[in-house]
Amino acid sequence: MEDKIKVNAALLCTWKHNTWTLYASQLFMGKVLRLYVNLNGRYKVIHGEDILYEGTVMEHAISVWNEV
């Protein structure tokens, strides 16, 4: 008989929080501008090494992206 994988809610939540997908990226003003989305519906805008926005409001992330 096969053993079923045990699912741990805390580990699943951590995975969702830490798993980011790159949505858009381009070289702008000598630095890479990136927009990420994670599995919890959070957005992150990074320009070079600077995090310009991290939060749950898509419109805020888009505004920050457009203002760079």
Protein backbone atom coordinates (compact mmCIF):
# COMPACT_ATOMS: atom_id res chain seq x y z
CA MET A 1 0.00 0.00 0.00
CA GLU A 2 1.23 3.50 -0.85
CA ASP A 3 1.76 6.18 1.78
CA LYS A 4 -0.12 9.39 1.14
CA ILE A 5 1.81 12.67 1.34
CA LYS A 6 0.94 14.63 4.48
CA VAL A 7 0.06 18.25 3.85
CA ASN A 8 1.13 20.74 6.50
CA ALA A 9 -0.90 23.98 6.53
CA ALA A 10 1.93 26.08 8.00
CA LEU A 11 4.39 24.91 5.36
CA LEU A 12 1.84 25.49 2.61
CA CYS A 13 1.26 29.07 3.84
CA THR A 14 5.00 29.70 4.00
CA TRP A 15 5.43 28.36 0.46
CA LYS A 16 2.64 30.61 -0.85
CA HIS A 17 4.16 33.63 0.90
CA ASN A 18 7.68 32.98 -0.41
CA THR A 19 6.87 31.93 -3.99
CA TRP A 20 7.10 34.92 -6.32
CA THR A 21 6.41 35.00 -10.07
CA LEU A 22 8.02 37.61 -12.27
CA TYR A 23 5.29 39.38 -14.25
CA ALA A 24 7.29 42.14 -16.00
CA SER A 25 10.94 43.10 -16.28
CA GLN A 26 12.93 45.63 -18.26
CA LEU A 27 16.15 47.57 -18.13
CA PHE A 28 15.25 51.16 -17.26
CA MET A 29 17.60 54.00 -16.34
CA GLY A 30 20.54 51.60 -16.03
CA LYS A 31 18.78 49.24 -13.58
CA VAL A 32 16.41 46.31 -13.98
CA LEU A 33 12.81 47.22 -13.12
CA ARG A 34 10.77 44.18 -12.05
CA LEU A 35 7.18 43.49 -11.01
CA TYR A 36 6.52 40.30 -9.05
CA VAL A 37 3.30 38.68 -7.79
CA ASN A 38 3.19 35.97 -5.10
CA LEU A 39 0.64 33.25 -4.42
CA ASN A 40 -0.95 35.27 -1.59
CA GLY A 41 -1.86 38.13 -3.94
CA ARG A 42 1.00 40.42 -2.90
CA TYR A 43 2.85 42.62 -5.37
CA LYS A 44 6.47 43.77 -5.33
CA VAL A 45 8.11 46.41 -7.52
CA ILE A 46 11.91 46.44 -7.48
CA HIS A 47 14.23 48.84 -9.33
CA GLY A 48 17.80 47.61 -9.17
CA GLU A 49 18.22 46.62 -5.52
CA ASP A 50 15.54 49.02 -4.21
CA ILE A 51 12.12 47.66 -3.26
CA LEU A 52 9.78 50.48 -4.28
CA TYR A 53 6.52 48.78 -3.29
CA GLU A 54 5.39 45.60 -1.58
CA GLY A 55 1.74 45.17 -0.72
CA THR A 56 -1.63 43.80 -1.74
CA VAL A 57 -3.04 46.63 -3.84
CA MET A 58 -2.46 46.00 -7.54
CA GLU A 59 -3.24 49.60 -8.47
CA HIS A 60 -0.50 50.84 -6.11
CA ALA A 61 2.04 48.48 -7.63
CA ILE A 62 1.12 49.62 -11.15
CA SER A 63 1.30 53.28 -10.12
CA VAL A 64 4.78 52.79 -8.64
CA TRP A 65 5.87 50.94 -11.79
CA ASN A 66 4.56 53.79 -13.98
CA GLU A 67 6.18 56.50 -11.80
CA VAL A 68 9.73 55.14 -12.12
